[in-house]
Amino acid sequence: MQVPVIVGPTGIGKSDLAYRLALALDGEIVVADSKQVYQRLDIATNKPSREQRARVRYHMIDFIDPAYGFNAAQYVQGARAAIADIATRGRTAIVEGGTMLYVDALCDGFSLTGVPPNPELRSELAALDLSALRERLLALDADPGVELQNPVRMIRAIEILRAAGPPLRRLRTRTPPPWDALRIGLTAPIEVIDRMLDERSRQQVERGLVSETRSALAAGVPESASVLTGIGYADTLVHIHGDLTLEELPLAMARSNRRYARRQLRWWRHDPRVRWFEIEPDPLPAILNYVKGAA
């Protein structure tokens, strides 16, 4: 079975393409995004609209309280179950990719090298002594299989476990799914992507991003919650603390998004399995032909 997997930089239109592809193929969308799993926080996570969700069924979206954590292992378990369920009902599963680790783990199985560095976490852990670091690691995984006298290896193990979930030994051997990922990449000139991100950031602020963030804090979601450390919300927290004006907020968000978009492009450009399509002119007809030809 072939499963279309839409990848590409943030803000380029993956959500809209996945939605239109689902309408054309009688499909359902499995979202691969580490922030869209959280409830209530919709604006900076770029969740689909109510109208889209009324016409197409979405999976792995909007089901975790933002005060709680969620990792890639939990995602893969849920997403693979969703894809299997969609197939048994005779419909087409379409993966809409955003978070690189989630897409990689879902389509190929886990890889220790697939977990990106987390500079903030590394700085926090580097300040701990060896005993405290060991205690932190063993609380996550009682048998991590790393040298417990080596702080560098322990810090990397904690970094991986926080992102992917335990046990660490499971991540040393990839277990691919029982289907083939048909990777479809959306691309555009970088200056076009930048303009799209500028406009999206402005619109998100106008739609009430600050109010949404304040409401989450008032409901007890800690500032350290995963969803609030994401692009958009992290910038909004800086604004709420008085270190960024409302006029500066969308500019800061756009800068963060530009860096992330370039990181995504570098990640997927190295994968020869991705078939790339320019967003102009409308790539849907060509993508439909590609998907049907690969079936």
Protein backbone atom coordinates (compact mmCIF):
# COMPACT_ATOMS: atom_id res chain seq x y z
CA MET A 1 0.00 0.00 0.00
CA GLN A 2 1.22 3.47 -0.91
CA VAL A 3 0.60 6.33 1.52
CA PRO A 4 1.09 9.88 0.18
CA VAL A 5 3.21 11.93 2.59
CA ILE A 6 3.20 15.69 2.03
CA VAL A 7 6.39 17.42 3.21
CA GLY A 8 8.07 20.78 2.75
CA PRO A 9 8.80 24.00 4.61
CA THR A 10 6.36 25.56 7.03
CA GLY A 11 3.85 27.97 5.54
CA ILE A 12 4.12 26.70 1.96
CA GLY A 13 0.62 25.24 1.78
CA LYS A 14 0.97 21.58 2.81
CA SER A 15 -2.29 21.69 4.80
CA ASP A 16 -4.30 23.07 1.89
CA LEU A 17 -2.80 20.56 -0.55
CA ALA A 18 -3.47 17.63 1.79
CA TYR A 19 -7.07 18.80 2.20
CA ARG A 20 -7.67 19.08 -1.55
CA LEU A 21 -5.92 15.77 -2.16
CA ALA A 22 -8.16 14.12 0.44
CA LEU A 23 -11.27 15.48 -1.30
CA ALA A 24 -10.04 14.17 -4.65
CA LEU A 25 -9.05 10.71 -3.36
CA ASP A 26 -11.83 10.10 -0.83
CA GLY A 27 -9.12 10.30 1.79
CA GLU A 28 -8.48 11.11 5.43
CA ILE A 29 -5.56 13.12 6.77
CA VAL A 30 -3.08 11.95 9.40
CA VAL A 31 -1.31 15.06 10.68
CA ALA A 32 2.38 14.66 11.59
CA ASP A 33 2.89 17.71 13.77
CA SER A 34 4.20 17.82 17.33
CA LYS A 35 2.10 20.88 18.25
CA GLN A 36 -1.23 20.20 16.52
CA VAL A 37 -1.83 17.28 18.89
CA TYR A 38 -2.60 19.79 21.66
CA GLN A 39 -6.11 21.01 22.32
CA ARG A 40 -7.37 24.61 22.20
CA LEU A 41 -4.16 26.21 20.92
CA ASP A 42 -5.06 26.57 17.25
CA ILE A 43 -3.65 29.75 15.75
CA ALA A 44 0.15 29.37 15.80
CA THR A 45 -0.17 25.59 15.39
CA ASN A 46 -1.91 26.25 12.06
CA LYS A 47 -4.69 23.74 12.57
CA PRO A 48 -7.20 23.19 9.73
CA SER A 49 -10.33 25.29 9.75
CA ARG A 50 -13.70 24.10 11.03
CA GLU A 51 -14.94 23.98 7.46
CA GLN A 52 -12.08 21.71 6.42
CA ARG A 53 -12.59 19.43 9.40
CA ALA A 54 -16.31 19.20 8.62
CA ARG A 55 -15.56 17.82 5.14
CA VAL A 56 -12.45 15.73 5.76
CA ARG A 57 -11.63 13.53 8.73
CA TYR A 58 -8.36 14.39 10.50
CA HIS A 59 -6.35 12.12 12.78
CA MET A 60 -3.66 12.83 15.40
CA ILE A 61 -4.90 16.35 16.01
CA ASP A 62 -6.44 18.20 18.95
CA PHE A 63 -6.55 15.41 21.54
CA ILE A 64 -3.88 16.12 24.21
CA ASP A 65 -4.29 18.65 27.02
CA PRO A 66 -1.56 21.27 26.49
CA ALA A 67 -0.42 20.93 30.10
CA TYR A 68 0.81 17.38 29.39
CA GLY A 69 3.71 16.06 27.38
CA PHE A 70 3.65 14.00 24.21
CA ASN A 71 6.48 12.33 22.34
CA ALA A 72 7.28 10.80 18.99
CA ALA A 73 6.84 7.22 20.19
CA GLN A 74 3.26 7.98 21.24
CA TYR A 75 2.71 9.73 17.92
CA VAL A 76 3.93 6.81 15.82
CA GLN A 77 1.78 4.34 17.72
CA GLY A 78 -1.34 6.45 17.19
CA ALA A 79 -0.60 7.43 13.60
CA ARG A 80 0.16 3.89 12.43
CA ALA A 81 -3.06 2.69 14.07
CA ALA A 82 -4.97 5.48 12.30
CA ILE A 83 -3.48 4.58 8.90
CA ALA A 84 -4.39 0.92 9.41
CA ASP A 85 -7.95 1.88 10.35
CA ILE A 86 -8.31 4.14 7.31
CA ALA A 87 -7.14 1.33 5.03
CA THR A 88 -9.58 -1.21 6.49
CA ARG A 89 -12.40 1.17 5.65
CA GLY A 90 -11.28 1.38 2.03
CA ARG A 91 -10.22 4.99 2.18
CA THR A 92 -6.90 6.70 1.37
CA ALA A 93 -4.62 7.80 4.19
CA ILE A 94 -2.70 11.01 3.50
CA VAL A 95 0.07 12.09 5.87
CA GLU A 96 0.55 15.83 6.19
CA GLY A 97 4.07 16.35 7.47
CA GLY A 98 5.41 19.20 9.48
CA THR A 99 7.58 17.89 12.31
CA MET A 100 10.60 16.24 10.74
CA LEU A 101 11.18 13.71 13.53
CA TYR A 102 7.54 12.61 13.45
CA VAL A 103 7.52 12.09 9.68
CA ASP A 104 10.83 10.25 9.75
CA ALA A 105 9.82 7.96 12.63
CA LEU A 106 6.40 7.25 11.11
CA CYS A 107 7.67 6.38 7.64
CA ASP A 108 11.01 4.72 8.38
CA GLY A 109 11.04 3.85 12.07
CA PHE A 110 13.07 5.64 14.71
CA SER A 111 16.66 6.71 14.30
CA LEU A 112 18.93 8.01 17.05
CA THR A 113 20.35 10.53 14.59
CA GLY A 114 16.86 11.74 13.67
CA VAL A 115 16.37 13.60 16.94
CA PRO A 116 17.58 17.18 16.43
CA PRO A 117 19.72 18.95 19.05
CA ASN A 118 17.93 20.88 21.79
CA PRO A 119 20.34 23.67 22.85
CA GLU A 120 18.16 24.90 25.73
CA LEU A 121 17.85 21.41 27.23
CA ARG A 122 21.57 20.76 26.75
CA SER A 123 22.45 23.96 28.63
CA GLU A 124 20.12 23.02 31.48
CA LEU A 125 21.57 19.50 31.75
CA ALA A 126 25.18 20.66 31.48
CA ALA A 127 24.71 22.60 34.72
CA LEU A 128 23.92 19.38 36.65
CA ASP A 129 26.52 17.31 38.44
CA LEU A 130 27.09 13.69 37.42
CA SER A 131 24.82 12.25 40.11
CA ALA A 132 21.90 14.54 39.26
CA LEU A 133 22.37 13.88 35.55
CA ARG A 134 22.36 10.13 36.11
CA GLU A 135 19.21 10.43 38.23
CA ARG A 136 17.47 12.45 35.50
CA LEU A 137 18.37 9.86 32.85
CA LEU A 138 17.33 6.82 34.89
CA ALA A 139 14.00 8.45 35.70
CA LEU A 140 13.29 8.44 31.97
CA ASP A 141 14.73 4.99 31.19
CA ALA A 142 15.88 2.50 33.85
CA ASP A 143 18.07 0.67 31.32
CA PRO A 144 19.25 3.21 28.73
CA GLY A 145 22.30 1.26 27.61
CA VAL A 146 24.71 4.20 27.84
CA GLU A 147 27.79 4.73 30.00
CA LEU A 148 26.59 6.32 33.25
CA GLN A 149 29.96 7.97 33.87
CA ASN A 150 29.91 9.88 30.58
CA PRO A 151 27.97 13.18 30.84
CA VAL A 152 28.01 13.84 27.08
CA ARG A 153 26.38 10.50 26.31
CA MET A 154 23.90 10.89 29.14
CA ILE A 155 22.87 14.36 27.97
CA ARG A 156 22.32 13.09 24.43
CA ALA A 157 20.34 10.12 25.77
CA ILE A 158 18.07 12.43 27.78
CA GLU A 159 17.64 14.67 24.74
CA ILE A 160 16.55 11.70 22.62
CA LEU A 161 14.26 10.25 25.29
CA ARG A 162 12.52 13.58 25.82
CA ALA A 163 11.74 13.81 22.10
CA ALA A 164 11.12 10.19 21.15
CA GLY A 165 10.11 8.47 24.38
CA PRO A 166 11.59 5.40 26.08
CA PRO A 167 13.05 2.87 25.90
CA LEU A 168 16.25 4.08 24.29
CA ARG A 169 17.24 0.57 23.16
CA ARG A 170 14.14 0.45 20.93
CA LEU A 171 15.51 3.34 18.90
CA ARG A 172 18.66 1.51 17.84
CA THR A 173 16.86 -0.64 15.24
CA ARG A 174 14.45 0.89 12.77
CA THR A 175 11.07 -0.80 12.36
CA PRO A 176 9.37 0.49 9.17
CA PRO A 177 5.59 0.31 8.75
CA PRO A 178 3.79 -2.26 6.55
CA TRP A 179 3.21 0.33 3.82
CA ASP A 180 5.33 2.48 1.50
CA ALA A 181 5.56 6.24 1.96
CA LEU A 182 5.11 8.17 -1.29
CA ARG A 183 6.96 11.34 -0.34
CA ILE A 184 5.66 14.49 -2.05
CA GLY A 185 7.52 17.74 -1.45
CA LEU A 186 6.20 21.26 -1.97
CA THR A 187 8.72 23.94 -2.81
CA ALA A 188 9.04 27.52 -4.05
CA PRO A 189 11.78 30.15 -4.39
CA ILE A 190 12.98 31.09 -0.91
CA GLU A 191 11.89 34.70 -1.31
CA VAL A 192 8.34 33.49 -2.03
CA ILE A 193 8.37 31.31 1.09
CA ASP A 194 9.60 34.27 3.14
CA ARG A 195 6.77 36.50 1.90
CA MET A 196 4.22 33.80 2.72
CA LEU A 197 5.62 33.46 6.24
CA ASP A 198 5.55 37.24 6.74
CA GLU A 199 1.87 37.32 5.78
CA ARG A 200 0.94 34.29 7.87
CA SER A 201 2.63 35.73 10.96
CA ARG A 202 0.76 39.01 10.55
CA GLN A 203 -2.56 37.21 10.13
CA GLN A 204 -1.98 35.02 13.18
CA VAL A 205 -1.48 38.06 15.39
CA GLU A 206 -4.57 39.71 13.90
CA ARG A 207 -6.64 36.56 14.53
CA GLY A 208 -5.99 36.79 18.25
CA LEU A 209 -2.77 34.91 18.98
CA VAL A 210 -2.03 36.99 22.06
CA SER A 211 -5.50 36.40 23.53
CA GLU A 212 -5.27 32.67 22.82
CA THR A 213 -1.92 32.48 24.59
CA ARG A 214 -3.17 34.46 27.60
CA SER A 215 -6.19 32.16 27.84
CA ALA A 216 -3.92 29.10 27.91
CA LEU A 217 -1.85 30.60 30.72
CA ALA A 218 -4.99 31.54 32.66
CA ALA A 219 -6.20 27.93 32.29
CA GLY A 220 -3.06 26.69 34.01
CA VAL A 221 -0.89 25.72 31.04
CA PRO A 222 2.71 26.36 32.18
CA GLU A 223 5.02 28.46 30.06
CA SER A 224 7.33 25.46 29.87
CA ALA A 225 4.64 23.33 28.18
CA SER A 226 5.81 21.91 24.86
CA VAL A 227 3.21 23.71 22.77
CA LEU A 228 4.10 27.09 24.28
CA THR A 229 7.76 26.63 23.40
CA GLY A 230 6.85 26.42 19.70
CA ILE A 231 7.20 29.18 17.13
CA GLY A 232 4.53 31.82 17.59
CA TYR A 233 3.69 31.03 21.20
CA ALA A 234 7.27 31.42 22.43
CA ASP A 235 7.45 34.81 20.69
CA THR A 236 4.07 35.77 22.13
CA LEU A 237 5.27 34.97 25.65
CA VAL A 238 8.15 37.39 25.10
CA HIS A 239 5.56 40.01 24.13
CA ILE A 240 3.39 39.24 27.16
CA HIS A 241 6.42 39.73 29.41
CA GLY A 242 6.90 43.18 27.90
CA ASP A 243 10.07 42.51 25.93
CA LEU A 244 8.46 42.72 22.48
CA THR A 245 5.89 45.22 21.23
CA LEU A 246 2.75 44.10 19.42
CA GLU A 247 4.14 45.63 16.23
CA GLU A 248 7.39 43.69 16.64
CA LEU A 249 5.67 40.38 17.40
CA PRO A 250 4.82 39.27 13.82
CA LEU A 251 8.30 40.27 12.68
CA ALA A 252 9.88 38.08 15.36
CA MET A 253 7.56 35.21 14.46
CA ALA A 254 8.45 35.51 10.79
CA ARG A 255 12.17 35.38 11.59
CA SER A 256 11.69 32.22 13.66
CA ASN A 257 9.60 30.65 10.92
CA ARG A 258 12.18 31.49 8.26
CA ARG A 259 14.90 29.69 10.20
CA TYR A 260 12.65 26.68 10.70
CA ALA A 261 11.62 26.60 7.02
CA ARG A 262 15.26 26.51 5.93
CA ARG A 263 15.98 23.71 8.39
CA GLN A 264 13.06 21.70 6.99
CA LEU A 265 14.22 22.25 3.42
CA ARG A 266 17.75 21.08 4.26
CA TRP A 267 16.35 17.99 5.98
CA TRP A 268 14.14 16.86 3.12
CA ARG A 269 16.39 17.97 0.28
CA HIS A 270 18.83 15.27 1.38
CA ASP A 271 16.19 12.56 0.87
CA PRO A 272 16.27 11.34 -2.76
CA ARG A 273 12.88 9.66 -2.27
CA VAL A 274 11.05 13.01 -2.18
CA ARG A 275 9.42 14.04 -5.48
CA TRP A 276 9.31 17.83 -5.52
CA PHE A 277 6.53 20.02 -6.96
CA GLU A 278 6.54 23.80 -7.29
CA ILE A 279 3.51 25.51 -5.74
CA GLU A 280 2.98 27.62 -8.86
CA PRO A 281 1.15 26.76 -11.02
CA ASP A 282 -1.27 24.70 -8.94
CA PRO A 283 0.53 21.34 -8.42
CA LEU A 284 -2.60 19.33 -7.53
CA PRO A 285 -3.23 17.88 -11.05
CA ALA A 286 0.38 16.71 -11.39
CA ILE A 287 0.39 15.32 -7.85
CA LEU A 288 -2.85 13.42 -8.47
CA ASN A 289 -1.30 11.85 -11.58
CA TYR A 290 1.80 10.96 -9.60
CA VAL A 291 -0.17 9.36 -6.77
CA LYS A 292 -2.44 7.39 -9.11
CA GLY A 293 0.52 6.28 -11.21
CA ALA A 294 2.31 4.97 -8.13
CA ALA A 295 -0.69 3.03 -6.87
